[in-house]
Amino acid sequence: MSGPKDWLTKREAAEYLKVSVRQIGRLPLPRTFVASSPRYDRADLDEYLQQRKVVPRQQTRRAAHRGEVLAVHARSSSTDWLKDLKSRVLRS
């Protein structure tokens, strides 16, 4: 459960994510309004960052070579990802 320290103002959320205040309003982040000003839960911001994490290409090749399975970005189609992985393995 979130405590009072876990709710950030728009400016604090922007500082936390290292983006502009204007950019925060454009991001698809869940928010709660208190007296018509948005508040952002720190846990939601952390989850947003985790979802946006990208695996470097070199690390992907090494994992594919070893037969490991890496996390797939939620937006990518599994078949596209598999085709891309196969082409990378065949090139190496």
Foldseek 3Di string as FASTA:
>chain_A
DDDPVQKAFLCRLCVVVVHDSVVSVVDPFDWDADPNTTIHGNVRSVVVVVLPDDDDPVVLLVCVVVVHDDDDRPPDDPVVVVVVSVVSNVVD
